N, C-alpha and C. Protein backbone atom coordinates (compact mmCIF):
# COMPACT_ATOMS: atom_id res chain seq x y z
N MET A 1 82.59 95.43 93.99
CA MET A 1 81.92 94.65 95.02
C MET A 1 82.42 93.65 95.39
N LYS A 2 83.04 92.98 96.33
CA LYS A 2 83.84 92.37 96.72
C LYS A 2 83.19 90.94 96.70
N LYS A 3 84.24 89.97 96.82
CA LYS A 3 83.41 88.44 96.48
C LYS A 3 82.97 88.36 97.77
N ASN A 4 82.67 88.56 98.40
CA ASN A 4 82.12 88.36 100.01
C ASN A 4 80.39 88.85 99.99
N GLY A 5 80.41 89.91 99.07
CA GLY A 5 78.93 90.46 99.12
C GLY A 5 79.13 92.07 99.35
N GLY A 6 80.40 92.32 100.15
CA GLY A 6 80.39 93.40 101.41
C GLY A 6 80.44 94.37 100.18
N ARG A 7 80.68 95.52 100.58
CA ARG A 7 81.02 97.05 99.91
C ARG A 7 82.42 97.07 99.80
N GLU A 8 82.44 97.14 98.28
CA GLU A 8 84.19 97.67 97.93
C GLU A 8 84.90 99.06 98.86
N ARG A 9 85.84 98.63 99.51
CA ARG A 9 86.66 99.85 99.70
C ARG A 9 87.77 100.20 99.40
N ARG A 10 87.95 99.65 98.20
CA ARG A 10 89.50 100.04 97.46
C ARG A 10 89.16 101.44 96.63
N LYS A 11 90.40 102.24 97.13
CA LYS A 11 90.58 103.42 96.19
C LYS A 11 90.55 103.46 94.84
N LYS A 12 91.69 102.85 94.86
CA LYS A 12 92.42 102.39 93.24
C LYS A 12 91.69 101.00 92.98
N SER A 13 92.42 100.86 91.54
CA SER A 13 91.75 99.78 91.02
C SER A 13 93.17 99.03 90.90
N ARG A 14 92.90 97.55 90.87
CA ARG A 14 94.21 96.73 90.92
C ARG A 14 94.24 95.68 89.92
N ALA A 15 95.27 95.24 89.70
CA ALA A 15 95.61 94.80 88.69
C ALA A 15 96.29 93.38 89.21
N ASP A 16 95.53 91.85 89.02
CA ASP A 16 96.18 90.87 89.74
C ASP A 16 97.49 89.91 89.15
N ALA A 17 98.51 90.96 89.57
CA ALA A 17 99.15 90.46 88.78
C ALA A 17 100.93 90.05 90.03
N THR A 18 101.29 89.08 89.23
CA THR A 18 102.70 88.38 90.17
C THR A 18 103.47 89.47 89.97
N VAL A 19 104.44 89.82 90.50
CA VAL A 19 105.65 90.67 90.86
C VAL A 19 106.60 90.03 91.72
N VAL A 20 107.80 90.35 91.61
CA VAL A 20 108.79 89.75 92.39
C VAL A 20 109.42 91.03 93.28
N VAL A 21 109.76 90.79 94.71
CA VAL A 21 109.35 92.02 95.54
C VAL A 21 110.81 91.12 96.51
N SER A 22 111.51 91.89 97.06
CA SER A 22 112.37 91.98 97.82
C SER A 22 112.06 93.00 98.90
N TYR A 23 111.74 92.05 100.51
CA TYR A 23 111.58 93.22 101.47
C TYR A 23 112.41 92.85 102.83
N HIS A 24 112.12 94.19 103.25
CA HIS A 24 112.73 94.00 104.79
C HIS A 24 112.18 95.25 105.67
N LEU A 25 111.80 94.77 107.22
CA LEU A 25 111.79 95.85 107.87
C LEU A 25 112.63 96.85 107.88
N LEU A 26 112.37 98.21 107.95
CA LEU A 26 113.48 98.67 107.87
C LEU A 26 114.19 99.34 108.66
N GLU A 27 113.92 98.96 110.21
CA GLU A 27 114.56 98.52 111.35
C GLU A 27 115.33 97.50 111.62
N GLU A 28 114.97 96.66 110.34
CA GLU A 28 116.19 95.47 110.43
C GLU A 28 116.81 95.51 108.91
N ASP A 29 117.60 96.42 108.67
CA ASP A 29 118.56 96.51 107.71
C ASP A 29 119.36 95.33 107.21
N GLY A 30 119.17 94.56 105.66
CA GLY A 30 120.15 93.95 105.53
C GLY A 30 119.22 92.27 105.79
N ASN A 31 118.30 92.27 106.40
CA ASN A 31 117.46 90.68 106.59
C ASN A 31 116.21 91.17 105.83
N TYR A 32 116.83 91.07 104.81
CA TYR A 32 115.88 90.67 103.37
C TYR A 32 114.83 89.56 103.55
N ASP A 33 113.90 88.96 102.64
CA ASP A 33 112.88 87.73 102.08
C ASP A 33 112.58 88.09 101.13
N LEU A 34 112.24 86.96 99.97
CA LEU A 34 111.71 87.36 98.81
C LEU A 34 110.43 86.92 98.72
N SER A 35 109.46 87.84 98.06
CA SER A 35 108.08 87.40 98.03
C SER A 35 107.24 87.10 96.47
N GLN A 36 106.29 87.07 96.34
CA GLN A 36 105.51 87.83 94.73
C GLN A 36 104.04 88.43 95.42
N THR A 37 103.91 89.05 94.25
CA THR A 37 102.67 90.04 94.82
C THR A 37 101.54 89.10 93.81
N ARG A 38 100.35 89.30 94.90
CA ARG A 38 99.02 88.89 94.48
C ARG A 38 98.45 89.90 94.09
N ASN A 39 98.33 90.86 94.19
CA ASN A 39 97.68 91.91 93.24
C ASN A 39 98.47 93.06 93.61
N ILE A 40 98.05 94.64 92.48
CA ILE A 40 98.93 95.55 92.97
C ILE A 40 98.23 96.91 92.52
N SER A 41 98.38 98.28 92.98
CA SER A 41 97.79 99.27 92.32
C SER A 41 98.27 100.25 92.54
N GLN A 42 98.26 101.54 92.10
CA GLN A 42 98.95 102.54 92.71
C GLN A 42 99.36 103.26 93.47
N GLY A 43 98.20 102.96 94.62
CA GLY A 43 98.34 102.72 96.10
C GLY A 43 99.09 101.80 96.79
N GLY A 44 99.27 100.51 96.31
CA GLY A 44 99.93 99.54 96.89
C GLY A 44 99.97 97.95 96.13
N MET A 45 100.26 97.48 97.44
CA MET A 45 100.43 95.86 97.05
C MET A 45 99.86 94.97 97.97
N LEU A 46 99.40 93.91 97.15
CA LEU A 46 99.30 92.66 98.33
C LEU A 46 100.06 91.69 97.92
N LEU A 47 100.92 90.87 99.11
CA LEU A 47 102.10 89.81 98.98
C LEU A 47 101.61 89.32 99.81
N THR A 48 102.41 88.07 99.63
CA THR A 48 102.78 86.77 100.69
C THR A 48 103.57 86.97 101.28
N THR A 49 103.97 86.75 102.37
CA THR A 49 105.10 86.97 103.56
C THR A 49 104.92 85.33 104.15
N ASN A 50 106.50 85.32 104.53
CA ASN A 50 106.30 84.16 105.73
C ASN A 50 106.33 84.70 107.00
N ARG A 51 106.16 85.86 107.33
CA ARG A 51 105.87 86.54 109.07
C ARG A 51 104.85 87.35 109.02
N LYS A 52 104.08 87.47 109.84
CA LYS A 52 102.51 88.36 109.96
C LYS A 52 104.08 89.92 110.61
N PHE A 53 103.43 90.92 110.02
CA PHE A 53 103.54 92.18 110.29
C PHE A 53 102.98 93.24 111.26
N GLU A 54 103.23 94.10 112.00
CA GLU A 54 102.31 94.84 112.88
C GLU A 54 101.85 95.89 111.75
N LYS A 55 100.55 96.08 111.86
CA LYS A 55 100.22 97.32 111.31
C LYS A 55 100.76 98.54 111.46
N GLY A 56 101.23 99.14 110.19
CA GLY A 56 101.69 100.60 110.27
C GLY A 56 103.95 100.37 110.35
N ALA A 57 104.15 98.66 110.17
CA ALA A 57 105.66 98.67 110.10
C ALA A 57 105.75 99.12 108.83
N ARG A 58 107.10 99.92 108.52
CA ARG A 58 107.65 100.08 107.51
C ARG A 58 108.60 99.21 106.79
N LEU A 59 108.23 98.70 105.49
CA LEU A 59 109.22 97.85 104.89
C LEU A 59 109.83 98.72 103.82
N GLY A 60 111.06 98.49 103.56
CA GLY A 60 111.98 98.68 102.52
C GLY A 60 111.64 97.39 101.27
N MET A 61 111.56 98.16 99.95
CA MET A 61 111.18 97.20 99.17
C MET A 61 112.22 97.39 97.91
N THR A 62 112.25 96.24 96.99
CA THR A 62 112.97 96.36 96.15
C THR A 62 112.07 95.73 95.02
N ILE A 63 111.35 96.00 94.04
CA ILE A 63 110.70 95.46 93.05
C ILE A 63 110.91 95.44 91.74
N GLN A 64 111.11 94.69 90.76
CA GLN A 64 110.94 94.49 89.24
C GLN A 64 109.48 94.69 89.10
N PHE A 65 109.46 95.43 88.43
CA PHE A 65 108.32 96.03 87.67
C PHE A 65 108.02 95.12 86.26
N PRO A 66 107.31 94.90 85.77
CA PRO A 66 107.45 94.08 84.48
C PRO A 66 107.82 95.47 83.07
N PHE A 67 107.53 96.28 83.45
CA PHE A 67 106.97 97.92 82.68
C PHE A 67 108.19 98.60 82.81
N LEU A 68 109.30 98.01 83.81
CA LEU A 68 110.79 99.02 83.90
C LEU A 68 112.26 98.01 83.92
N LYS A 69 112.80 98.75 83.00
CA LYS A 69 114.11 97.79 83.11
C LYS A 69 114.75 97.43 84.01
N ASP A 70 114.74 98.56 84.78
CA ASP A 70 115.67 98.00 86.41
C ASP A 70 114.50 97.98 87.15
N LYS A 71 115.17 97.46 88.40
CA LYS A 71 114.37 97.31 89.80
C LYS A 71 114.52 98.89 90.37
N ILE A 72 113.32 99.07 91.11
CA ILE A 72 113.22 100.46 92.45
C ILE A 72 112.92 100.08 93.47
N GLN A 73 113.45 100.94 94.23
CA GLN A 73 113.23 100.89 95.50
C GLN A 73 112.28 101.99 96.32
N VAL A 74 111.33 101.17 96.53
CA VAL A 74 110.08 102.10 97.58
C VAL A 74 109.85 101.75 98.65
N VAL A 75 109.58 102.52 99.36
CA VAL A 75 109.38 102.21 100.81
C VAL A 75 107.69 102.15 100.98
N GLY A 76 107.07 101.12 101.94
CA GLY A 76 105.60 100.86 102.11
C GLY A 76 105.52 100.74 103.53
N GLU A 77 104.09 101.23 104.05
CA GLU A 77 103.51 100.57 105.21
C GLU A 77 102.59 99.66 105.24
N VAL A 78 102.59 98.71 106.19
CA VAL A 78 101.85 97.80 106.22
C VAL A 78 100.15 98.07 106.93
N VAL A 79 99.38 98.08 106.13
CA VAL A 79 98.47 98.29 106.45
C VAL A 79 97.59 97.00 106.79
N ASN A 80 97.77 95.83 106.89
CA ASN A 80 96.78 94.30 107.45
C ASN A 80 97.78 93.36 107.03
N SER A 81 97.99 92.35 108.20
CA SER A 81 98.77 91.32 107.86
C SER A 81 98.04 89.89 108.65
N ARG A 82 97.53 89.15 107.62
CA ARG A 82 96.86 87.66 108.00
C ARG A 82 97.56 86.39 108.03
N GLU A 83 97.14 85.75 108.61
CA GLU A 83 97.80 84.01 108.61
C GLU A 83 96.52 83.65 107.92
N MET A 84 97.55 83.16 106.81
CA MET A 84 97.16 82.04 105.92
C MET A 84 97.19 80.78 105.84
N ILE A 85 98.14 80.66 106.05
CA ILE A 85 98.73 78.82 106.46
C ILE A 85 99.25 78.98 107.86
N LYS A 86 98.89 78.48 108.98
CA LYS A 86 99.46 78.60 110.29
C LYS A 86 101.05 78.23 110.17
N ASP A 87 101.21 79.76 110.19
CA ASP A 87 102.99 79.74 111.26
C ASP A 87 103.65 79.42 109.53
N VAL A 88 103.25 79.98 108.47
CA VAL A 88 104.09 79.71 107.33
C VAL A 88 103.93 80.58 106.48
N ILE A 89 102.45 80.85 106.21
CA ILE A 89 101.79 81.95 104.66
C ILE A 89 101.22 82.80 105.54
N TYR A 90 101.66 84.31 105.10
CA TYR A 90 100.56 85.51 105.70
C TYR A 90 100.39 86.54 104.77
N GLU A 91 99.24 86.91 104.35
CA GLU A 91 98.93 87.85 103.23
C GLU A 91 99.10 89.28 103.83
N THR A 92 99.90 90.12 102.98
CA THR A 92 100.53 91.18 103.73
C THR A 92 100.07 92.33 103.01
N ARG A 93 99.41 93.25 103.67
CA ARG A 93 99.00 94.11 102.24
C ARG A 93 99.91 95.90 102.47
N VAL A 94 100.18 96.10 101.68
CA VAL A 94 101.42 97.47 102.05
C VAL A 94 100.74 98.66 101.38
N MET A 95 100.69 99.69 101.94
CA MET A 95 100.56 100.88 101.21
C MET A 95 101.99 101.75 100.89
N PHE A 96 102.04 102.18 99.62
CA PHE A 96 103.41 102.61 99.21
C PHE A 96 103.70 104.57 99.60
N TYR A 97 104.72 104.45 99.95
CA TYR A 97 104.81 105.99 100.03
C TYR A 97 105.22 106.98 99.43
N ASN A 98 104.94 107.59 99.08
CA ASN A 98 105.89 108.78 98.26
C ASN A 98 106.37 108.25 96.51
N LEU A 99 105.51 107.45 95.95
CA LEU A 99 105.77 107.13 94.84
C LEU A 99 105.88 108.17 93.59
N LYS A 100 107.21 108.36 92.68
CA LYS A 100 107.28 109.43 92.13
C LYS A 100 106.55 109.33 90.73
N SER A 101 105.89 110.72 90.69
CA SER A 101 104.68 110.92 89.71
C SER A 101 105.16 110.05 88.37
N GLN A 102 106.25 110.09 88.16
CA GLN A 102 106.37 109.35 86.36
C GLN A 102 105.95 107.84 86.81
N LEU A 103 106.66 107.22 87.82
CA LEU A 103 106.33 105.98 87.99
C LEU A 103 104.78 105.35 88.57
N LEU A 104 104.23 106.10 89.43
CA LEU A 104 102.73 106.04 89.55
C LEU A 104 102.04 106.49 88.28
N ARG A 105 102.14 107.05 86.77
CA ARG A 105 101.36 106.95 85.63
C ARG A 105 101.41 105.74 85.10
N LEU A 106 103.23 105.13 85.02
CA LEU A 106 103.39 103.86 84.82
C LEU A 106 102.58 102.78 85.45
N LEU A 107 102.70 102.80 86.85
CA LEU A 107 101.76 101.78 87.34
C LEU A 107 100.38 101.97 86.76
N GLY A 108 99.69 103.20 87.07
CA GLY A 108 98.57 103.44 86.71
C GLY A 108 98.22 102.51 85.33
N ASP A 109 98.96 102.79 84.30
CA ASP A 109 98.84 101.95 82.62
C ASP A 109 98.77 100.68 82.84
N PHE A 110 99.50 100.41 83.58
CA PHE A 110 99.74 99.15 83.82
C PHE A 110 98.65 98.15 84.27
N VAL A 111 97.77 98.74 85.51
CA VAL A 111 96.99 98.39 85.90
C VAL A 111 95.78 98.24 85.15
N VAL A 112 95.48 99.33 84.65
CA VAL A 112 94.62 99.17 83.29
C VAL A 112 94.65 98.17 82.47
N GLU A 113 96.04 97.92 81.28
CA GLU A 113 95.75 97.14 80.89
C GLU A 113 96.16 95.94 81.08
N SER A 114 96.47 95.78 82.42
CA SER A 114 96.27 94.06 83.03
C SER A 114 94.83 93.57 83.13
N GLN A 115 93.80 95.27 83.20
CA GLN A 115 92.68 94.46 83.47
C GLN A 115 92.03 94.12 82.12
N GLY A 116 92.45 94.63 81.17
CA GLY A 116 91.65 94.07 79.50
C GLY A 116 90.88 95.21 79.07
N PRO A 117 90.42 94.69 78.07
CA PRO A 117 89.16 95.48 77.34
C PRO A 117 88.22 95.48 78.11
N LYS A 118 87.39 97.18 78.46
CA LYS A 118 86.01 96.94 79.09
C LYS A 118 84.85 96.28 77.96
N SER A 119 84.26 95.40 78.61
CA SER A 119 82.71 95.25 77.87
C SER A 119 81.98 96.09 77.40
N ASN A 120 80.96 96.16 76.46
CA ASN A 120 80.34 97.21 76.42
C ASN A 120 78.79 96.46 76.87
N GLU A 121 78.10 96.64 78.15
CA GLU A 121 77.09 95.61 78.69
C GLU A 121 75.78 96.43 78.09
């Protein structure tokens, strides 16, 4: 259930995790910005950005996941970008493209571990 009482639309479980991400519009190669995630799943991530992106914009991202020794490069598509602090901070939701199966598995394990043990209600 969402915090505002609406129906949960997420298809994948998420981990509230701060991961460093370097990103750029694929059309603007070389113009990188640095950010952090707010949460992450096997399907994508929510990160803070210093600009609003149009839905469908493609981002090249370099990510340092805590469960990997090396940084990885991925491509994502902006699903939504909304202003949080006028002209300063935006929440940008990104869907991953074509993650390799091993990374999907590791990311799924990370999400599960980040959520902690399930309680027996």
